[in-house]
Amino acid sequence: MTEAIDGRLKELGITLPVAAAPAANYVPYTISGNTLYLSGQLPIEGGKVAVTGLVGRDVDVPAAQRAAELCAINILAQAKAALGGDLGRIRRVLKLNGFIASAPDFTEQHIVMNGASNLLANVLGDASKHARAAVGMAALPLNAAVEVDAIIEIEA
């Protein structure tokens, strides 16, 4: 499974970054039994937040979807770190929670989250089928447009 995931990442032109260190008093992940809980990931690219502002005011939907994709890439990077480099231990993404910094009248958070869901589907295949939430927020850390966290079932 690991080789298949690595192959899909390569086909998509994705190189996973080094997993980001936490910015405050928390850990980037916890594991309980066969469940991996990943802290919220921002759309970090090249060491900085790549998409900032409110969706529907400063950021259009395609850019916000790209932000969600970047969050998903960073989720995979954190999962890889948590799993000793072996993404093949992922059995299934159980749930994604998406937080979208939104203008007051913006109502397409679910469409923004398709960026994260679609990227994970392209990389993990059937193991990516997940429940999810997509909610609008007044603001996010570092003025990020999107933040996504994940709950993943893993092989123990």
N, C-alpha and C. Protein backbone atom coordinates (compact mmCIF):
# COMPACT_ATOMS: atom_id res chain seq x y z
N MET A 1 0.82 -1.20 0.00
CA MET A 1 0.00 0.00 0.00
C MET A 1 0.86 1.26 0.00
N THR A 2 1.96 1.24 0.77
CA THR A 2 2.84 2.41 0.82
C THR A 2 3.36 2.76 -0.56
N GLU A 3 3.77 1.76 -1.33
CA GLU A 3 4.30 2.02 -2.67
C GLU A 3 3.22 2.61 -3.57
N ALA A 4 2.00 2.13 -3.45
CA ALA A 4 0.90 2.68 -4.25
C ALA A 4 0.65 4.14 -3.90
N ILE A 5 0.67 4.46 -2.61
CA ILE A 5 0.46 5.84 -2.19
C ILE A 5 1.59 6.72 -2.68
N ASP A 6 2.82 6.26 -2.52
CA ASP A 6 3.98 7.02 -3.01
C ASP A 6 3.88 7.24 -4.51
N GLY A 7 3.43 6.22 -5.24
CA GLY A 7 3.26 6.35 -6.68
C GLY A 7 2.21 7.38 -7.05
N ARG A 8 1.09 7.38 -6.33
CA ARG A 8 0.04 8.37 -6.62
C ARG A 8 0.53 9.78 -6.31
N LEU A 9 1.25 9.94 -5.21
CA LEU A 9 1.80 11.26 -4.89
C LEU A 9 2.72 11.74 -6.01
N LYS A 10 3.57 10.84 -6.49
CA LYS A 10 4.49 11.19 -7.57
C LYS A 10 3.73 11.55 -8.84
N GLU A 11 2.72 10.76 -9.19
CA GLU A 11 1.90 11.05 -10.38
C GLU A 11 1.23 12.41 -10.29
N LEU A 12 0.83 12.79 -9.08
CA LEU A 12 0.16 14.07 -8.87
C LEU A 12 1.15 15.23 -8.72
N GLY A 13 2.44 14.91 -8.73
CA GLY A 13 3.46 15.95 -8.58
C GLY A 13 3.54 16.52 -7.17
N ILE A 14 3.19 15.69 -6.19
CA ILE A 14 3.18 16.15 -4.80
C ILE A 14 4.36 15.57 -4.05
N THR A 15 5.14 16.45 -3.46
CA THR A 15 6.19 16.06 -2.54
C THR A 15 5.73 16.50 -1.15
N LEU A 16 5.60 15.54 -0.25
CA LEU A 16 5.15 15.90 1.09
C LEU A 16 6.22 16.70 1.80
N PRO A 17 5.82 17.80 2.44
CA PRO A 17 6.79 18.59 3.20
C PRO A 17 7.14 17.90 4.51
N VAL A 18 8.13 18.41 5.19
CA VAL A 18 8.43 17.97 6.55
C VAL A 18 7.24 18.43 7.40
N ALA A 19 6.76 17.56 8.25
CA ALA A 19 5.62 17.89 9.10
C ALA A 19 5.93 19.10 9.97
N ALA A 20 4.99 20.04 10.00
CA ALA A 20 5.18 21.27 10.77
C ALA A 20 5.15 20.98 12.27
N ALA A 21 5.98 21.71 13.00
CA ALA A 21 5.98 21.62 14.45
C ALA A 21 4.80 22.44 14.99
N PRO A 22 4.27 22.06 16.15
CA PRO A 22 3.17 22.84 16.72
C PRO A 22 3.62 24.26 17.06
N ALA A 23 2.67 25.19 16.96
CA ALA A 23 2.97 26.61 17.20
C ALA A 23 2.60 27.05 18.61
N ALA A 24 2.13 26.15 19.45
CA ALA A 24 1.72 26.50 20.81
C ALA A 24 1.81 25.25 21.69
N ASN A 25 1.08 25.24 22.79
CA ASN A 25 1.15 24.16 23.76
C ASN A 25 0.19 23.03 23.39
N TYR A 26 0.52 22.30 22.32
CA TYR A 26 -0.23 21.13 21.89
C TYR A 26 0.70 20.25 21.09
N VAL A 27 0.26 19.06 20.75
CA VAL A 27 1.05 18.16 19.94
C VAL A 27 0.42 18.06 18.56
N PRO A 28 1.19 17.75 17.53
CA PRO A 28 0.64 17.69 16.18
C PRO A 28 -0.30 16.51 15.95
N TYR A 29 -0.16 15.48 16.79
CA TYR A 29 -1.04 14.31 16.66
C TYR A 29 -1.04 13.54 17.96
N THR A 30 -2.07 12.73 18.12
CA THR A 30 -2.11 11.73 19.19
C THR A 30 -2.63 10.44 18.58
N ILE A 31 -2.22 9.34 19.17
CA ILE A 31 -2.70 8.03 18.75
C ILE A 31 -3.30 7.35 19.96
N SER A 32 -4.52 6.85 19.79
CA SER A 32 -5.19 6.09 20.82
C SER A 32 -5.71 4.81 20.17
N GLY A 33 -5.13 3.69 20.57
CA GLY A 33 -5.51 2.42 19.94
C GLY A 33 -5.16 2.46 18.46
N ASN A 34 -6.17 2.27 17.61
CA ASN A 34 -5.92 2.31 16.18
C ASN A 34 -6.49 3.58 15.53
N THR A 35 -6.54 4.65 16.33
CA THR A 35 -7.05 5.93 15.82
C THR A 35 -5.98 7.00 15.94
N LEU A 36 -5.74 7.66 14.83
CA LEU A 36 -4.79 8.78 14.75
C LEU A 36 -5.59 10.07 14.67
N TYR A 37 -5.35 10.96 15.61
CA TYR A 37 -6.00 12.27 15.63
C TYR A 37 -4.96 13.31 15.23
N LEU A 38 -5.23 14.02 14.15
CA LEU A 38 -4.29 15.03 13.67
C LEU A 38 -4.80 16.42 13.98
N SER A 39 -3.93 17.24 14.55
CA SER A 39 -4.28 18.64 14.82
C SER A 39 -4.55 19.36 13.51
N GLY A 40 -5.24 20.48 13.61
CA GLY A 40 -5.58 21.28 12.44
C GLY A 40 -4.34 21.68 11.65
N GLN A 41 -4.45 21.57 10.34
CA GLN A 41 -3.37 21.93 9.43
C GLN A 41 -3.79 23.13 8.59
N LEU A 42 -2.88 24.06 8.46
CA LEU A 42 -3.11 25.27 7.66
C LEU A 42 -2.58 25.06 6.25
N PRO A 43 -2.94 25.93 5.32
CA PRO A 43 -2.43 25.82 3.95
C PRO A 43 -1.00 26.37 3.84
N ILE A 44 -0.09 25.68 4.50
CA ILE A 44 1.32 26.07 4.50
C ILE A 44 1.98 25.51 3.25
N GLU A 45 2.71 26.37 2.56
CA GLU A 45 3.48 25.97 1.39
C GLU A 45 4.75 26.79 1.38
N GLY A 46 5.88 26.12 1.26
CA GLY A 46 7.15 26.85 1.28
C GLY A 46 7.40 27.56 2.59
N GLY A 47 6.87 27.03 3.68
CA GLY A 47 7.13 27.59 5.00
C GLY A 47 6.25 28.75 5.40
N LYS A 48 5.25 29.09 4.58
CA LYS A 48 4.37 30.20 4.96
C LYS A 48 2.93 29.88 4.57
N VAL A 49 2.00 30.61 5.16
CA VAL A 49 0.59 30.43 4.82
C VAL A 49 0.39 30.94 3.40
N ALA A 50 -0.05 30.05 2.52
CA ALA A 50 -0.13 30.36 1.09
C ALA A 50 -1.41 31.07 0.69
N VAL A 51 -2.49 30.88 1.44
CA VAL A 51 -3.77 31.50 1.09
C VAL A 51 -4.34 32.12 2.34
N THR A 52 -4.48 33.45 2.32
CA THR A 52 -4.96 34.18 3.49
C THR A 52 -6.18 35.02 3.16
N GLY A 53 -6.94 35.33 4.19
CA GLY A 53 -8.09 36.21 4.04
C GLY A 53 -9.40 35.46 4.15
N LEU A 54 -10.47 36.21 3.96
CA LEU A 54 -11.81 35.63 4.04
C LEU A 54 -12.28 35.16 2.68
N VAL A 55 -12.77 33.92 2.64
CA VAL A 55 -13.32 33.37 1.41
C VAL A 55 -14.65 34.08 1.14
N GLY A 56 -14.83 34.46 -0.10
CA GLY A 56 -16.02 35.22 -0.47
C GLY A 56 -15.79 36.72 -0.44
N ARG A 57 -14.66 37.16 0.10
CA ARG A 57 -14.30 38.57 0.09
C ARG A 57 -12.90 38.74 -0.50
N ASP A 58 -11.91 38.12 0.13
CA ASP A 58 -10.51 38.26 -0.31
C ASP A 58 -10.06 37.09 -1.17
N VAL A 59 -10.71 35.96 -1.03
CA VAL A 59 -10.29 34.71 -1.65
C VAL A 59 -11.47 34.13 -2.41
N ASP A 60 -11.24 33.74 -3.68
CA ASP A 60 -12.32 33.11 -4.45
C ASP A 60 -12.34 31.60 -4.17
N VAL A 61 -13.38 30.94 -4.64
CA VAL A 61 -13.56 29.52 -4.34
C VAL A 61 -12.41 28.66 -4.87
N PRO A 62 -11.95 28.84 -6.13
CA PRO A 62 -10.82 28.01 -6.57
C PRO A 62 -9.56 28.17 -5.71
N ALA A 63 -9.25 29.37 -5.29
CA ALA A 63 -8.09 29.58 -4.42
C ALA A 63 -8.32 28.94 -3.05
N ALA A 64 -9.55 29.00 -2.56
CA ALA A 64 -9.87 28.37 -1.28
C ALA A 64 -9.79 26.85 -1.38
N GLN A 65 -10.22 26.30 -2.52
CA GLN A 65 -10.08 24.86 -2.72
C GLN A 65 -8.61 24.46 -2.74
N ARG A 66 -7.78 25.27 -3.34
CA ARG A 66 -6.33 25.02 -3.34
C ARG A 66 -5.80 25.06 -1.91
N ALA A 67 -6.31 26.00 -1.10
CA ALA A 67 -5.91 26.06 0.30
C ALA A 67 -6.30 24.76 1.01
N ALA A 68 -7.49 24.25 0.74
CA ALA A 68 -7.93 22.99 1.35
C ALA A 68 -7.04 21.83 0.89
N GLU A 69 -6.63 21.84 -0.38
CA GLU A 69 -5.69 20.82 -0.88
C GLU A 69 -4.38 20.88 -0.10
N LEU A 70 -3.87 22.08 0.10
CA LEU A 70 -2.62 22.23 0.85
C LEU A 70 -2.78 21.72 2.28
N CYS A 71 -3.93 21.98 2.89
CA CYS A 71 -4.19 21.44 4.23
C CYS A 71 -4.14 19.92 4.19
N ALA A 72 -4.73 19.30 3.16
CA ALA A 72 -4.72 17.84 3.03
C ALA A 72 -3.30 17.31 2.82
N ILE A 73 -2.51 18.02 2.06
CA ILE A 73 -1.11 17.62 1.88
C ILE A 73 -0.39 17.65 3.22
N ASN A 74 -0.66 18.67 4.02
CA ASN A 74 -0.02 18.78 5.33
C ASN A 74 -0.57 17.73 6.30
N ILE A 75 -1.83 17.34 6.14
CA ILE A 75 -2.38 16.21 6.92
C ILE A 75 -1.60 14.94 6.58
N LEU A 76 -1.36 14.70 5.31
CA LEU A 76 -0.59 13.51 4.92
C LEU A 76 0.83 13.57 5.47
N ALA A 77 1.43 14.75 5.47
CA ALA A 77 2.78 14.89 6.02
C ALA A 77 2.80 14.58 7.51
N GLN A 78 1.80 15.08 8.24
CA GLN A 78 1.72 14.79 9.68
C GLN A 78 1.45 13.31 9.91
N ALA A 79 0.57 12.71 9.10
CA ALA A 79 0.28 11.29 9.24
C ALA A 79 1.54 10.46 8.99
N LYS A 80 2.29 10.85 7.99
CA LYS A 80 3.53 10.12 7.69
C LYS A 80 4.50 10.19 8.87
N ALA A 81 4.62 11.37 9.47
CA ALA A 81 5.48 11.52 10.64
C ALA A 81 4.97 10.67 11.81
N ALA A 82 3.67 10.68 12.02
CA ALA A 82 3.07 9.93 13.13
C ALA A 82 3.22 8.43 12.95
N LEU A 83 3.24 7.99 11.70
CA LEU A 83 3.25 6.55 11.40
C LEU A 83 4.64 6.04 11.01
N GLY A 84 5.65 6.76 11.44
CA GLY A 84 7.02 6.30 11.18
C GLY A 84 7.36 6.24 9.70
N GLY A 85 6.73 7.11 8.92
CA GLY A 85 7.02 7.17 7.49
C GLY A 85 6.18 6.23 6.63
N ASP A 86 5.27 5.48 7.24
CA ASP A 86 4.52 4.46 6.52
C ASP A 86 3.04 4.84 6.35
N LEU A 87 2.73 5.55 5.29
CA LEU A 87 1.33 5.91 5.01
C LEU A 87 0.49 4.69 4.67
N GLY A 88 1.12 3.58 4.38
CA GLY A 88 0.40 2.34 4.13
C GLY A 88 -0.34 1.81 5.36
N ARG A 89 -0.04 2.37 6.53
CA ARG A 89 -0.75 1.97 7.76
C ARG A 89 -2.13 2.61 7.85
N ILE A 90 -2.44 3.54 6.95
CA ILE A 90 -3.76 4.18 6.96
C ILE A 90 -4.79 3.17 6.45
N ARG A 91 -5.76 2.86 7.31
CA ARG A 91 -6.86 1.99 6.90
C ARG A 91 -7.98 2.82 6.27
N ARG A 92 -8.29 3.95 6.95
CA ARG A 92 -9.38 4.77 6.44
C ARG A 92 -9.35 6.14 7.11
N VAL A 93 -9.59 7.16 6.31
CA VAL A 93 -9.83 8.49 6.87
C VAL A 93 -11.27 8.45 7.38
N LEU A 94 -11.43 8.62 8.68
CA LEU A 94 -12.76 8.53 9.28
C LEU A 94 -13.53 9.85 9.16
N LYS A 95 -12.85 10.97 9.45
CA LYS A 95 -13.53 12.25 9.43
C LYS A 95 -12.55 13.38 9.19
N LEU A 96 -12.99 14.34 8.39
CA LEU A 96 -12.30 15.62 8.22
C LEU A 96 -13.20 16.71 8.78
N ASN A 97 -12.60 17.64 9.48
CA ASN A 97 -13.29 18.85 9.91
C ASN A 97 -12.63 20.02 9.21
N GLY A 98 -13.41 20.75 8.45
CA GLY A 98 -12.90 21.89 7.71
C GLY A 98 -13.42 23.19 8.27
N PHE A 99 -12.52 24.12 8.48
CA PHE A 99 -12.85 25.43 9.00
C PHE A 99 -12.47 26.44 7.93
N ILE A 100 -13.44 27.20 7.45
CA ILE A 100 -13.21 28.13 6.35
C ILE A 100 -13.46 29.54 6.85
N ALA A 101 -12.42 30.37 6.81
CA ALA A 101 -12.57 31.79 7.17
C ALA A 101 -13.45 32.40 6.09
N SER A 102 -14.64 32.87 6.48
CA SER A 102 -15.66 33.22 5.50
C SER A 102 -16.20 34.62 5.70
N ALA A 103 -16.46 35.28 4.58
CA ALA A 103 -17.23 36.52 4.62
C ALA A 103 -18.61 36.16 5.16
N PRO A 104 -19.30 37.10 5.81
CA PRO A 104 -20.59 36.79 6.44
C PRO A 104 -21.63 36.17 5.51
N ASP A 105 -21.61 36.53 4.23
CA ASP A 105 -22.62 36.00 3.31
C ASP A 105 -22.15 34.81 2.48
N PHE A 106 -20.96 34.28 2.77
CA PHE A 106 -20.43 33.14 2.02
C PHE A 106 -21.05 31.86 2.54
N THR A 107 -21.57 31.02 1.64
CA THR A 107 -22.26 29.79 2.06
C THR A 107 -21.79 28.55 1.30
N GLU A 108 -20.62 28.58 0.70
CA GLU A 108 -20.14 27.44 -0.08
C GLU A 108 -18.94 26.74 0.57
N GLN A 109 -18.95 26.69 1.90
CA GLN A 109 -17.86 26.04 2.62
C GLN A 109 -17.70 24.58 2.18
N HIS A 110 -18.81 23.92 1.92
CA HIS A 110 -18.75 22.51 1.50
C HIS A 110 -18.02 22.35 0.17
N ILE A 111 -18.14 23.31 -0.71
CA ILE A 111 -17.44 23.27 -2.00
C ILE A 111 -15.95 23.50 -1.80
N VAL A 112 -15.60 24.39 -0.89
CA VAL A 112 -14.19 24.61 -0.55
C VAL A 112 -13.56 23.31 -0.05
N MET A 113 -14.27 22.61 0.84
CA MET A 113 -13.73 21.37 1.43
C MET A 113 -13.55 20.26 0.41
N ASN A 114 -14.21 20.37 -0.74
CA ASN A 114 -13.98 19.38 -1.79
C ASN A 114 -12.51 19.33 -2.19
N GLY A 115 -11.79 20.44 -2.05
CA GLY A 115 -10.36 20.44 -2.36
C GLY A 115 -9.61 19.42 -1.52
N ALA A 116 -9.88 19.38 -0.22
CA ALA A 116 -9.22 18.42 0.66
C ALA A 116 -9.72 17.01 0.40
N SER A 117 -11.03 16.85 0.29
CA SER A 117 -11.61 15.51 0.08
C SER A 117 -11.12 14.91 -1.23
N ASN A 118 -11.10 15.68 -2.28
CA ASN A 118 -10.68 15.17 -3.59
C ASN A 118 -9.20 14.81 -3.60
N LEU A 119 -8.37 15.63 -2.96
CA LEU A 119 -6.94 15.31 -2.92
C LEU A 119 -6.72 13.98 -2.19
N LEU A 120 -7.36 13.82 -1.05
CA LEU A 120 -7.18 12.56 -0.32
C LEU A 120 -7.71 11.38 -1.11
N ALA A 121 -8.81 11.55 -1.84
CA ALA A 121 -9.33 10.47 -2.68
C ALA A 121 -8.32 10.10 -3.77
N ASN A 122 -7.69 11.10 -4.35
CA ASN A 122 -6.71 10.85 -5.41
C ASN A 122 -5.46 10.15 -4.89
N VAL A 123 -5.11 10.39 -3.63
CA VAL A 123 -3.91 9.79 -3.06
C VAL A 123 -4.21 8.44 -2.39
N LEU A 124 -5.30 8.36 -1.63
CA LEU A 124 -5.56 7.18 -0.80
C LEU A 124 -6.59 6.23 -1.37
N GLY A 125 -7.29 6.62 -2.42
CA GLY A 125 -8.31 5.76 -3.00
C GLY A 125 -9.44 5.51 -2.03
N ASP A 126 -9.91 4.25 -1.95
CA ASP A 126 -11.05 3.92 -1.10
C ASP A 126 -10.81 4.22 0.37
N ALA A 127 -9.57 4.21 0.81
CA ALA A 127 -9.27 4.51 2.22
C ALA A 127 -9.57 5.96 2.57
N SER A 128 -9.88 6.78 1.58
CA SER A 128 -10.15 8.20 1.85
C SER A 128 -11.62 8.48 2.12
N LYS A 129 -12.49 7.51 1.95
CA LYS A 129 -13.94 7.77 2.09
C LYS A 129 -14.24 8.11 3.54
N HIS A 130 -14.68 9.35 3.77
CA HIS A 130 -14.78 9.89 5.12
C HIS A 130 -16.08 10.68 5.33
N ALA A 131 -16.42 10.83 6.60
CA ALA A 131 -17.43 11.79 7.01
C ALA A 131 -16.71 13.14 7.12
N ARG A 132 -17.48 14.24 7.08
CA ARG A 132 -16.80 15.53 7.22
C ARG A 132 -17.76 16.62 7.66
N ALA A 133 -17.15 17.69 8.13
CA ALA A 133 -17.88 18.91 8.43
C ALA A 133 -17.15 20.04 7.72
N ALA A 134 -17.90 21.05 7.31
CA ALA A 134 -17.32 22.24 6.69
C ALA A 134 -18.06 23.45 7.26
N VAL A 135 -17.37 24.22 8.07
CA VAL A 135 -18.02 25.32 8.77
C VAL A 135 -17.31 26.64 8.50
N GLY A 136 -18.09 27.70 8.48
CA GLY A 136 -17.54 29.04 8.30
C GLY A 136 -17.09 29.61 9.63
N MET A 137 -15.98 30.33 9.58
CA MET A 137 -15.41 30.94 10.78
C MET A 137 -15.16 32.42 10.51
N ALA A 138 -15.19 33.22 11.56
CA ALA A 138 -14.91 34.66 11.42
C ALA A 138 -13.44 34.90 11.08
N ALA A 139 -12.54 34.06 11.63
CA ALA A 139 -11.11 34.20 11.39
C ALA A 139 -10.42 32.91 11.80
N LEU A 140 -9.23 32.69 11.25
CA LEU A 140 -8.42 31.53 11.59
C LEU A 140 -7.01 31.98 11.94
N PRO A 141 -6.22 31.14 12.60
CA PRO A 141 -4.86 31.52 12.96
C PRO A 141 -4.05 31.97 11.73
N LEU A 142 -3.23 32.98 11.94
CA LEU A 142 -2.33 33.52 10.92
C LEU A 142 -3.08 34.01 9.68
N ASN A 143 -4.36 34.33 9.85
CA ASN A 143 -5.20 34.82 8.75
C ASN A 143 -5.36 33.78 7.64
N ALA A 144 -5.16 32.51 7.97
CA ALA A 144 -5.33 31.43 6.98
C ALA A 144 -6.77 31.40 6.50
N ALA A 145 -6.95 31.07 5.23
CA ALA A 145 -8.29 30.97 4.66
C ALA A 145 -8.98 29.67 5.05
N VAL A 146 -8.20 28.61 5.29
CA VAL A 146 -8.75 27.28 5.57
C VAL A 146 -7.87 26.59 6.61
N GLU A 147 -8.50 25.76 7.45
CA GLU A 147 -7.80 24.86 8.36
C GLU A 147 -8.57 23.54 8.34
N VAL A 148 -7.85 22.43 8.34
CA VAL A 148 -8.49 21.11 8.31
C VAL A 148 -7.79 20.21 9.33
N ASP A 149 -8.61 19.49 10.11
CA ASP A 149 -8.06 18.44 10.96
C ASP A 149 -8.63 17.11 10.53
N ALA A 150 -8.07 16.02 11.07
CA ALA A 150 -8.47 14.69 10.59
C ALA A 150 -8.44 13.66 11.70
N ILE A 151 -9.32 12.68 11.56
CA ILE A 151 -9.32 11.48 12.40
C ILE A 151 -9.17 10.30 11.44
N ILE A 152 -8.15 9.47 11.69
CA ILE A 152 -7.78 8.41 10.75
C ILE A 152 -7.66 7.08 11.49
N GLU A 153 -8.27 6.05 10.92
CA GLU A 153 -8.09 4.70 11.45
C GLU A 153 -6.79 4.14 10.87
N ILE A 154 -5.95 3.56 11.73
CA ILE A 154 -4.66 3.04 11.31
C ILE A 154 -4.48 1.60 11.74
N GLU A 155 -3.54 0.93 11.10
CA GLU A 155 -3.11 -0.39 11.55
C GLU A 155 -2.26 -0.18 12.79
N ALA A 156 -2.55 -0.93 13.83
CA ALA A 156 -1.79 -0.77 15.08
C ALA A 156 -0.37 -1.27 14.94
